[in-house]
């Protein structure tokens, strides 16, 4: 990614009683998001947490997704019209409320 690009991180915290269907997320949700946001997405990654920083500790996040855009305006323009549909799909794969952070790529 280039300096100045925007990264939208969607973080799903781990915890007791929390569930996450990775097959649904990667097989249905992410393809839907990709189709709806189209060429505005420069790149995307999905990561599954496997451990924390301490030996044998649980990961702080069950799953993390990162979507990259040229600018915050390109993200907002692409996401805005589809926000309700995208966020409405969340209960289909998890009972975790996602934490969303928008960052600018520095390096």
C-alpha atoms as a PDB file:
ATOM      1  CA  UNK A   1       0.000   0.000   0.000  1.00  0.00           C
ATOM      2  CA  UNK A   2       1.059   3.547  -0.616  1.00  0.00           C
ATOM      3  CA  UNK A   3       1.548   6.235   1.979  1.00  0.00           C
ATOM      4  CA  UNK A   4      -1.684   8.167   2.376  1.00  0.00           C
ATOM      5  CA  UNK A   5      -3.989   5.260   1.495  1.00  0.00           C
ATOM      6  CA  UNK A   6      -6.779   4.566   3.958  1.00  0.00           C
ATOM      7  CA  UNK A   7      -7.072   1.295   5.872  1.00  0.00           C
ATOM      8  CA  UNK A   8     -10.419   0.305   7.338  1.00  0.00           C
ATOM      9  CA  UNK A   9      -9.875  -2.326  10.031  1.00  0.00           C
ATOM     10  CA  UNK A  10     -12.810  -4.401  11.265  1.00  0.00           C
ATOM     11  CA  UNK A  11     -11.850  -6.178  14.488  1.00  0.00           C
ATOM     12  CA  UNK A  12     -13.896  -8.893  16.170  1.00  0.00           C
ATOM     13  CA  UNK A  13     -12.813  -9.223  19.837  1.00  0.00           C
ATOM     14  CA  UNK A  14     -12.470 -12.726  21.280  1.00  0.00           C
ATOM     15  CA  UNK A  15     -14.246 -13.753  24.437  1.00  0.00           C
ATOM     16  CA  UNK A  16     -16.338 -16.324  26.215  1.00  0.00           C
ATOM     17  CA  UNK A  17     -19.624 -17.036  24.486  1.00  0.00           C
ATOM     18  CA  UNK A  18     -18.593 -15.257  21.296  1.00  0.00           C
ATOM     19  CA  UNK A  19     -19.079 -17.109  18.021  1.00  0.00           C
ATOM     20  CA  UNK A  20     -17.725 -16.500  14.516  1.00  0.00           C
ATOM     21  CA  UNK A  21     -18.487 -18.476  11.341  1.00  0.00           C
ATOM     22  CA  UNK A  22     -15.327 -18.075   9.252  1.00  0.00           C
ATOM     23  CA  UNK A  23     -16.748 -20.115   6.354  1.00  0.00           C
ATOM     24  CA  UNK A  24     -19.721 -17.763   6.022  1.00  0.00           C
ATOM     25  CA  UNK A  25     -17.515 -14.696   6.479  1.00  0.00           C
ATOM     26  CA  UNK A  26     -14.995 -15.644   3.802  1.00  0.00           C
ATOM     27  CA  UNK A  27     -17.444 -17.431   1.499  1.00  0.00           C
ATOM     28  CA  UNK A  28     -20.370 -14.998   1.558  1.00  0.00           C
ATOM     29  CA  UNK A  29     -19.834 -11.779   3.526  1.00  0.00           C
ATOM     30  CA  UNK A  30     -16.451 -10.724   2.138  1.00  0.00           C
ATOM     31  CA  UNK A  31     -17.437 -11.499  -1.487  1.00  0.00           C
ATOM     32  CA  UNK A  32     -20.625  -9.451  -0.989  1.00  0.00           C
ATOM     33  CA  UNK A  33     -18.669  -6.519   0.436  1.00  0.00           C
ATOM     34  CA  UNK A  34     -16.161  -6.753  -2.389  1.00  0.00           C
ATOM     35  CA  UNK A  35     -18.910  -6.754  -5.014  1.00  0.00           C
ATOM     36  CA  UNK A  36     -20.796  -3.854  -3.422  1.00  0.00           C
ATOM     37  CA  UNK A  37     -17.718  -1.650  -2.936  1.00  0.00           C
ATOM     38  CA  UNK A  38     -16.227  -2.592  -6.299  1.00  0.00           C
ATOM     39  CA  UNK A  39     -13.114  -0.873  -7.594  1.00  0.00           C
ATOM     40  CA  UNK A  40     -12.944   1.419  -4.557  1.00  0.00           C
ATOM     41  CA  UNK A  41     -11.233  -1.435  -2.667  1.00  0.00           C
ATOM     42  CA  UNK A  42      -7.529  -1.503  -3.511  1.00  0.00           C
ATOM     43  CA  UNK A  43      -6.779  -4.609  -1.420  1.00  0.00           C
ATOM     44  CA  UNK A  44      -8.238  -6.661   1.419  1.00  0.00           C
ATOM     45  CA  UNK A  45      -7.060  -9.205   3.972  1.00  0.00           C
ATOM     46  CA  UNK A  46      -8.813 -11.434   6.487  1.00  0.00           C
ATOM     47  CA  UNK A  47      -6.860 -12.772   9.454  1.00  0.00           C
ATOM     48  CA  UNK A  48      -7.859 -15.375  12.058  1.00  0.00           C
ATOM     49  CA  UNK A  49      -6.432 -14.889  15.542  1.00  0.00           C
ATOM     50  CA  UNK A  50      -4.483 -17.872  16.848  1.00  0.00           C
ATOM     51  CA  UNK A  51      -2.731 -16.587  19.992  1.00  0.00           C
ATOM     52  CA  UNK A  52      -1.938 -13.570  22.133  1.00  0.00           C
ATOM     53  CA  UNK A  53       1.489 -12.202  22.980  1.00  0.00           C
ATOM     54  CA  UNK A  54       2.006 -14.479  25.971  1.00  0.00           C
ATOM     55  CA  UNK A  55       2.647 -18.224  25.513  1.00  0.00           C
ATOM     56  CA  UNK A  56      -0.574 -20.240  25.455  1.00  0.00           C
ATOM     57  CA  UNK A  57      -2.759 -17.123  25.653  1.00  0.00           C
ATOM     58  CA  UNK A  58      -5.919 -16.592  23.648  1.00  0.00           C
ATOM     59  CA  UNK A  59      -5.874 -14.089  20.800  1.00  0.00           C
ATOM     60  CA  UNK A  60      -7.383 -10.700  21.671  1.00  0.00           C
ATOM     61  CA  UNK A  61      -9.271 -10.769  18.353  1.00  0.00           C
ATOM     62  CA  UNK A  62     -11.130 -13.695  16.816  1.00  0.00           C
ATOM     63  CA  UNK A  63     -10.865 -12.204  13.345  1.00  0.00           C
ATOM     64  CA  UNK A  64      -9.529  -9.046  11.732  1.00  0.00           C
ATOM     65  CA  UNK A  65     -10.358  -7.731   8.278  1.00  0.00           C
ATOM     66  CA  UNK A  66      -8.500  -4.897   6.595  1.00  0.00           C
ATOM     67  CA  UNK A  67      -9.791  -3.045   3.554  1.00  0.00           C
ATOM     68  CA  UNK A  68      -7.639  -0.497   1.729  1.00  0.00           C
ATOM     69  CA  UNK A  69      -8.873   2.552  -0.171  1.00  0.00           C
ATOM     70  CA  UNK A  70      -7.227   5.447  -2.010  1.00  0.00           C
ATOM     71  CA  UNK A  71      -8.855   8.034   0.270  1.00  0.00           C
ATOM     72  CA  UNK A  72     -11.414   8.405   3.001  1.00  0.00           C
ATOM     73  CA  UNK A  73     -13.731   9.945   0.427  1.00  0.00           C
ATOM     74  CA  UNK A  74     -13.516   6.896  -1.828  1.00  0.00           C
ATOM     75  CA  UNK A  75     -14.337   4.664   1.156  1.00  0.00           C
ATOM     76  CA  UNK A  76     -17.281   6.799   2.253  1.00  0.00           C
ATOM     77  CA  UNK A  77     -18.657   7.110  -1.277  1.00  0.00           C
ATOM     78  CA  UNK A  78     -18.474   3.340  -1.825  1.00  0.00           C
ATOM     79  CA  UNK A  79     -19.618   2.232   1.646  1.00  0.00           C
ATOM     80  CA  UNK A  80     -22.364   4.754   2.410  1.00  0.00           C
ATOM     81  CA  UNK A  81     -25.046   3.486   0.018  1.00  0.00           C
ATOM     82  CA  UNK A  82     -24.465  -0.126   1.147  1.00  0.00           C
ATOM     83  CA  UNK A  83     -23.844   0.348   4.881  1.00  0.00           C
ATOM     84  CA  UNK A  84     -27.226  -1.010   5.963  1.00  0.00           C
ATOM     85  CA  UNK A  85     -26.906  -4.153   3.816  1.00  0.00           C
ATOM     86  CA  UNK A  86     -23.310  -4.820   4.884  1.00  0.00           C
ATOM     87  CA  UNK A  87     -23.903  -4.256   8.602  1.00  0.00           C
ATOM     88  CA  UNK A  88     -27.219  -6.127   8.419  1.00  0.00           C
ATOM     89  CA  UNK A  89     -25.335  -9.264   7.391  1.00  0.00           C
ATOM     90  CA  UNK A  90     -23.203  -9.328  10.581  1.00  0.00           C
ATOM     91  CA  UNK A  91     -25.672 -11.483  12.607  1.00  0.00           C
ATOM     92  CA  UNK A  92     -25.405 -14.159   9.914  1.00  0.00           C
ATOM     93  CA  UNK A  93     -21.819 -14.970  10.930  1.00  0.00           C
ATOM     94  CA  UNK A  94     -21.184 -13.653  14.444  1.00  0.00           C
ATOM     95  CA  UNK A  95     -22.618 -12.451  17.725  1.00  0.00           C
ATOM     96  CA  UNK A  96     -19.605 -10.160  18.174  1.00  0.00           C
ATOM     97  CA  UNK A  97     -20.021  -6.415  17.742  1.00  0.00           C
ATOM     98  CA  UNK A  98     -17.167  -5.365  15.467  1.00  0.00           C
ATOM     99  CA  UNK A  99     -14.748  -2.601  16.375  1.00  0.00           C
ATOM    100  CA  UNK A 100     -13.988  -0.419  13.362  1.00  0.00           C
ATOM    101  CA  UNK A 101     -10.938   1.786  12.983  1.00  0.00           C
ATOM    102  CA  UNK A 102     -10.023   3.947  10.010  1.00  0.00           C
ATOM    103  CA  UNK A 103      -6.335   4.725   9.659  1.00  0.00           C
ATOM    104  CA  UNK A 104      -4.016   6.347   7.192  1.00  0.00           C
ATOM    105  CA  UNK A 105      -1.074   4.323   5.882  1.00  0.00           C
ATOM    106  CA  UNK A 106       2.162   5.971   7.035  1.00  0.00           C
ATOM    107  CA  UNK A 107       4.768   3.494   5.783  1.00  0.00           C
END
